[in-house]
Amino acid sequence: MYFGEYPELLHLYLPIDLVNKWSQVEDQIHAVVLAYNLKIFSVSYSEAEGWIFYTTNKLQINLGSELSSDIFNKLSLTLKYIFEKNLTPSIIDLRYRDGAALNYGK
């Protein structure tokens, strides 16, 4: 079901059993991205890729399968870096243990 009259609604594409997990971390995620004037448009989860967020300015953020304070920290540091360096990646991939990968291809 699509509510076209409410385009600002967050789109969730994830198994119903993960909605509670999303609810637990939603405020933390929004606080991190809002600090950089970003807004999450949709959230998806798949077993193969984990959590993926899409912002209204077409940035894709791959977080992996765990939503932890370490991931939120890594996201915050990565966003700080790209905004300080005035970078414009299309994808931020945080699934790597040693850091983040930035993709400029999309």
C-alpha atoms as a PDB file:
ATOM      1  CA  MET A   1       0.000   0.000   0.000  1.00  0.00           C
ATOM      2  CA  TYR A   2       1.351   3.426  -0.904  1.00  0.00           C
ATOM      3  CA  PHE A   3       0.223   6.692   0.612  1.00  0.00           C
ATOM      4  CA  GLY A   4       1.123   9.189  -2.120  1.00  0.00           C
ATOM      5  CA  GLU A   5      -0.288  12.052  -0.092  1.00  0.00           C
ATOM      6  CA  TYR A   6       2.401  11.418   2.582  1.00  0.00           C
ATOM      7  CA  PRO A   7       5.704  11.447   0.667  1.00  0.00           C
ATOM      8  CA  GLU A   8       7.692  12.237   3.835  1.00  0.00           C
ATOM      9  CA  LEU A   9       6.882   8.840   5.386  1.00  0.00           C
ATOM     10  CA  LEU A  10       9.913   6.621   5.898  1.00  0.00           C
ATOM     11  CA  HIS A  11       9.869   3.564   3.647  1.00  0.00           C
ATOM     12  CA  LEU A  12      10.802   0.312   5.396  1.00  0.00           C
ATOM     13  CA  TYR A  13      11.741  -2.748   3.335  1.00  0.00           C
ATOM     14  CA  LEU A  14      12.595  -5.360   5.932  1.00  0.00           C
ATOM     15  CA  PRO A  15      11.227  -8.509   7.549  1.00  0.00           C
ATOM     16  CA  ILE A  16       8.485  -7.810  10.087  1.00  0.00           C
ATOM     17  CA  ASP A  17      10.570  -9.355  12.876  1.00  0.00           C
ATOM     18  CA  LEU A  18      13.209  -6.603  12.412  1.00  0.00           C
ATOM     19  CA  VAL A  19      10.809  -3.677  12.799  1.00  0.00           C
ATOM     20  CA  ASN A  20      11.338  -3.724  16.564  1.00  0.00           C
ATOM     21  CA  LYS A  21      15.132  -3.634  16.091  1.00  0.00           C
ATOM     22  CA  TRP A  22      14.749  -0.653  13.762  1.00  0.00           C
ATOM     23  CA  SER A  23      12.533   1.107  16.312  1.00  0.00           C
ATOM     24  CA  GLN A  24      15.241   0.696  18.961  1.00  0.00           C
ATOM     25  CA  VAL A  25      17.943   2.438  16.885  1.00  0.00           C
ATOM     26  CA  GLU A  26      15.916   4.823  14.744  1.00  0.00           C
ATOM     27  CA  ASP A  27      16.566   7.898  16.910  1.00  0.00           C
ATOM     28  CA  GLN A  28      20.307   7.217  17.047  1.00  0.00           C
ATOM     29  CA  ILE A  29      20.571   6.866  13.267  1.00  0.00           C
ATOM     30  CA  HIS A  30      18.512   9.981  12.633  1.00  0.00           C
ATOM     31  CA  ALA A  31      20.649  11.985  15.076  1.00  0.00           C
ATOM     32  CA  VAL A  32      23.847  10.977  13.245  1.00  0.00           C
ATOM     33  CA  VAL A  33      22.577  11.827   9.762  1.00  0.00           C
ATOM     34  CA  LEU A  34      20.740  15.000  10.815  1.00  0.00           C
ATOM     35  CA  ALA A  35      24.005  16.375  12.189  1.00  0.00           C
ATOM     36  CA  TYR A  36      25.107  16.521   8.533  1.00  0.00           C
ATOM     37  CA  ASN A  37      21.783  17.792   7.190  1.00  0.00           C
ATOM     38  CA  LEU A  38      20.872  14.412   5.700  1.00  0.00           C
ATOM     39  CA  LYS A  39      17.472  12.764   5.857  1.00  0.00           C
ATOM     40  CA  ILE A  40      16.795   9.045   5.551  1.00  0.00           C
ATOM     41  CA  PHE A  41      14.218   8.260   2.882  1.00  0.00           C
ATOM     42  CA  SER A  42      14.139   4.480   3.137  1.00  0.00           C
ATOM     43  CA  VAL A  43      15.582   1.579   5.109  1.00  0.00           C
ATOM     44  CA  SER A  44      16.032  -1.936   3.823  1.00  0.00           C
ATOM     45  CA  TYR A  45      17.464  -5.162   5.165  1.00  0.00           C
ATOM     46  CA  SER A  46      18.535  -8.334   3.414  1.00  0.00           C
ATOM     47  CA  GLU A  47      20.460 -11.338   4.697  1.00  0.00           C
ATOM     48  CA  ALA A  48      23.097 -10.864   2.007  1.00  0.00           C
ATOM     49  CA  GLU A  49      23.814  -7.140   2.527  1.00  0.00           C
ATOM     50  CA  GLY A  50      22.435  -6.249   5.945  1.00  0.00           C
ATOM     51  CA  TRP A  51      21.025  -2.784   6.691  1.00  0.00           C
ATOM     52  CA  ILE A  52      21.003  -0.213   3.911  1.00  0.00           C
ATOM     53  CA  PHE A  53      19.789   3.369   4.244  1.00  0.00           C
ATOM     54  CA  TYR A  54      18.994   5.744   1.410  1.00  0.00           C
ATOM     55  CA  THR A  55      18.965   9.480   1.995  1.00  0.00           C
ATOM     56  CA  THR A  56      16.832  12.013   0.158  1.00  0.00           C
ATOM     57  CA  ASN A  57      19.943  13.334  -1.612  1.00  0.00           C
ATOM     58  CA  LYS A  58      20.602   9.875  -3.161  1.00  0.00           C
ATOM     59  CA  LEU A  59      23.344   8.726  -0.760  1.00  0.00           C
ATOM     60  CA  GLN A  60      23.302   4.995  -0.011  1.00  0.00           C
ATOM     61  CA  ILE A  61      24.718   3.910   3.350  1.00  0.00           C
ATOM     62  CA  ASN A  62      25.510   0.210   3.832  1.00  0.00           C
ATOM     63  CA  LEU A  63      25.822  -0.628   7.516  1.00  0.00           C
ATOM     64  CA  GLY A  64      26.041  -4.402   7.447  1.00  0.00           C
ATOM     65  CA  SER A  65      24.068  -6.816   9.592  1.00  0.00           C
ATOM     66  CA  GLU A  66      24.752  -5.324  13.037  1.00  0.00           C
ATOM     67  CA  LEU A  67      23.329  -2.046  14.329  1.00  0.00           C
ATOM     68  CA  SER A  68      25.689  -1.227  17.172  1.00  0.00           C
ATOM     69  CA  SER A  69      27.233   1.839  18.778  1.00  0.00           C
ATOM     70  CA  ASP A  70      30.485   1.005  16.954  1.00  0.00           C
ATOM     71  CA  ILE A  71      28.684   1.228  13.610  1.00  0.00           C
ATOM     72  CA  PHE A  72      27.040   4.528  14.558  1.00  0.00           C
ATOM     73  CA  ASN A  73      30.464   5.841  15.605  1.00  0.00           C
ATOM     74  CA  LYS A  74      31.999   4.714  12.336  1.00  0.00           C
ATOM     75  CA  LEU A  75      29.147   6.345  10.406  1.00  0.00           C
ATOM     76  CA  SER A  76      29.583   9.605  12.284  1.00  0.00           C
ATOM     77  CA  LEU A  77      33.349   9.658  11.671  1.00  0.00           C
ATOM     78  CA  THR A  78      32.883   8.815   7.982  1.00  0.00           C
ATOM     79  CA  LEU A  79      30.294  11.559   7.488  1.00  0.00           C
ATOM     80  CA  LYS A  80      32.569  14.015   9.291  1.00  0.00           C
ATOM     81  CA  TYR A  81      35.417  13.052   6.975  1.00  0.00           C
ATOM     82  CA  ILE A  82      33.459  13.372   3.726  1.00  0.00           C
ATOM     83  CA  PHE A  83      31.965  16.717   4.714  1.00  0.00           C
ATOM     84  CA  GLU A  84      35.317  18.127   5.886  1.00  0.00           C
ATOM     85  CA  LYS A  85      36.938  17.040   2.616  1.00  0.00           C
ATOM     86  CA  ASN A  86      33.922  18.193   0.572  1.00  0.00           C
ATOM     87  CA  LEU A  87      33.524  14.721  -0.974  1.00  0.00           C
ATOM     88  CA  THR A  88      30.338  13.530  -2.666  1.00  0.00           C
ATOM     89  CA  PRO A  89      30.235   9.733  -2.721  1.00  0.00           C
ATOM     90  CA  SER A  90      27.115   7.935  -3.883  1.00  0.00           C
ATOM     91  CA  ILE A  91      27.701   4.986  -1.508  1.00  0.00           C
ATOM     92  CA  ILE A  92      29.233   4.721   1.944  1.00  0.00           C
ATOM     93  CA  ASP A  93      29.938   1.086   2.787  1.00  0.00           C
ATOM     94  CA  LEU A  94      30.671   0.448   6.477  1.00  0.00           C
ATOM     95  CA  ARG A  95      30.693  -3.344   6.302  1.00  0.00           C
ATOM     96  CA  TYR A  96      34.484  -3.467   6.487  1.00  0.00           C
ATOM     97  CA  ARG A  97      36.138  -4.104   9.833  1.00  0.00           C
ATOM     98  CA  ASP A  98      39.003  -1.682   9.220  1.00  0.00           C
ATOM     99  CA  GLY A  99      37.040   1.314   7.968  1.00  0.00           C
ATOM    100  CA  ALA A 100      34.710   2.470   5.244  1.00  0.00           C
ATOM    101  CA  ALA A 101      34.642   2.302   1.468  1.00  0.00           C
ATOM    102  CA  LEU A 102      33.392   5.227  -0.566  1.00  0.00           C
ATOM    103  CA  ASN A 103      31.972   4.723  -4.056  1.00  0.00           C
ATOM    104  CA  TYR A 104      31.577   7.631  -6.458  1.00  0.00           C
ATOM    105  CA  GLY A 105      30.141   5.610  -9.349  1.00  0.00           C
ATOM    106  CA  LYS A 106      26.381   6.033  -9.084  1.00  0.00           C
END
